[in-house]
Amino acid sequence: MIAWEDYVESNPEVLVGKPVIKGTRLSIEFIMERLANGWTEEEILENYPSLDKNSMQAKDELDIQWPVVTSYPDSVFEEVII
């Protein structure tokens, strides 16, 4: 199991604090929207080379713990931001 905290961060100065894959401006919400629109993980990885299989798995782990991608409580990310 991947620790999503190693791959996902929230910073108020990046996309208004939306959870993103660390080192990118790709929000979890954006990735989930692509998947909902029929993209495969392979297509996402091909089109966004800054992502890897671990970051995609971290997205899945985060979604298991906090299923509503657009409404994570700030406390989820306090340790990640610091």
Protein backbone atom coordinates (compact mmCIF):
# COMPACT_ATOMS: atom_id res chain seq x y z
CA MET A 1 0.00 0.00 0.00
CA ILE A 2 1.24 3.48 -0.91
CA ALA A 3 1.14 6.26 1.67
CA TRP A 4 -0.76 8.94 -0.25
CA GLU A 5 0.80 11.60 1.96
CA ASP A 6 4.14 10.93 0.21
CA TYR A 7 2.65 11.86 -3.17
CA VAL A 8 -0.18 14.33 -2.53
CA GLU A 9 0.03 17.81 -1.08
CA SER A 10 -2.15 20.85 -0.61
CA ASN A 11 -0.76 24.37 -0.73
CA PRO A 12 -2.98 27.47 -0.71
CA GLU A 13 -0.68 29.01 -3.34
CA VAL A 14 -1.16 26.11 -5.78
CA LEU A 15 -4.61 25.75 -7.35
CA VAL A 16 -6.20 27.47 -4.35
CA GLY A 17 -5.16 24.63 -2.05
CA LYS A 18 -6.70 21.75 -4.01
CA PRO A 19 -4.91 18.46 -3.40
CA VAL A 20 -2.30 17.96 -6.14
CA ILE A 21 0.36 15.41 -6.97
CA LYS A 22 3.55 16.71 -5.33
CA GLY A 23 5.78 18.68 -7.67
CA THR A 24 2.96 19.27 -10.17
CA ARG A 25 -0.08 21.43 -10.67
CA LEU A 26 -2.18 18.35 -11.46
CA SER A 27 -5.01 18.16 -8.99
CA ILE A 28 -6.52 14.91 -7.82
CA GLU A 29 -9.83 16.33 -8.99
CA PHE A 30 -8.42 16.85 -12.51
CA ILE A 31 -7.11 13.29 -12.66
CA MET A 32 -10.41 11.89 -11.38
CA GLU A 33 -12.29 13.92 -14.01
CA ARG A 34 -10.12 12.43 -16.76
CA LEU A 35 -10.86 8.94 -15.48
CA ALA A 36 -14.59 9.75 -15.27
CA ASN A 37 -14.43 10.92 -18.90
CA GLY A 38 -13.10 7.56 -20.04
CA TRP A 39 -9.34 8.06 -19.94
CA THR A 40 -7.34 5.06 -18.80
CA GLU A 41 -4.50 5.34 -16.28
CA GLU A 42 -2.12 4.50 -19.13
CA GLU A 43 -3.42 7.45 -21.18
CA ILE A 44 -3.01 9.78 -18.22
CA LEU A 45 0.55 8.57 -17.60
CA GLU A 46 1.40 8.99 -21.30
CA ASN A 47 -0.02 12.51 -21.44
CA TYR A 48 1.35 13.70 -18.09
CA PRO A 49 4.92 12.35 -17.79
CA SER A 50 5.38 14.01 -14.39
CA LEU A 51 3.05 11.32 -13.01
CA ASP A 52 4.02 7.74 -12.32
CA LYS A 53 2.24 4.58 -11.24
CA ASN A 54 2.94 5.37 -7.57
CA SER A 55 1.27 8.77 -7.83
CA MET A 56 -1.74 7.14 -9.47
CA GLN A 57 -1.88 4.56 -6.70
CA ALA A 58 -1.60 7.33 -4.10
CA LYS A 59 -4.58 9.01 -5.76
CA ASP A 60 -6.50 5.77 -5.31
CA GLU A 61 -5.49 5.47 -1.64
CA LEU A 62 -6.57 9.05 -0.98
CA ASP A 63 -9.87 8.44 -2.74
CA ILE A 64 -10.50 5.39 -0.55
CA GLN A 65 -9.99 7.45 2.62
CA TRP A 66 -11.70 10.64 1.38
CA PRO A 67 -14.06 9.66 -1.46
CA VAL A 68 -15.36 13.14 -2.30
CA VAL A 69 -12.34 14.56 -4.11
CA THR A 70 -13.41 18.19 -4.01
CA SER A 71 -14.10 18.44 -0.29
CA TYR A 72 -11.18 17.16 1.75
CA PRO A 73 -11.01 18.77 5.18
CA ASP A 74 -7.97 21.02 5.65
CA SER A 75 -6.86 18.90 8.59
CA VAL A 76 -6.08 16.03 6.19
CA PHE A 77 -3.21 18.03 4.75
CA GLU A 78 -1.89 19.91 7.80
CA GLU A 79 1.08 17.58 8.24
CA VAL A 80 1.78 17.55 4.51
CA ILE A 81 1.89 21.35 4.27
CA ILE A 82 4.20 21.86 7.22
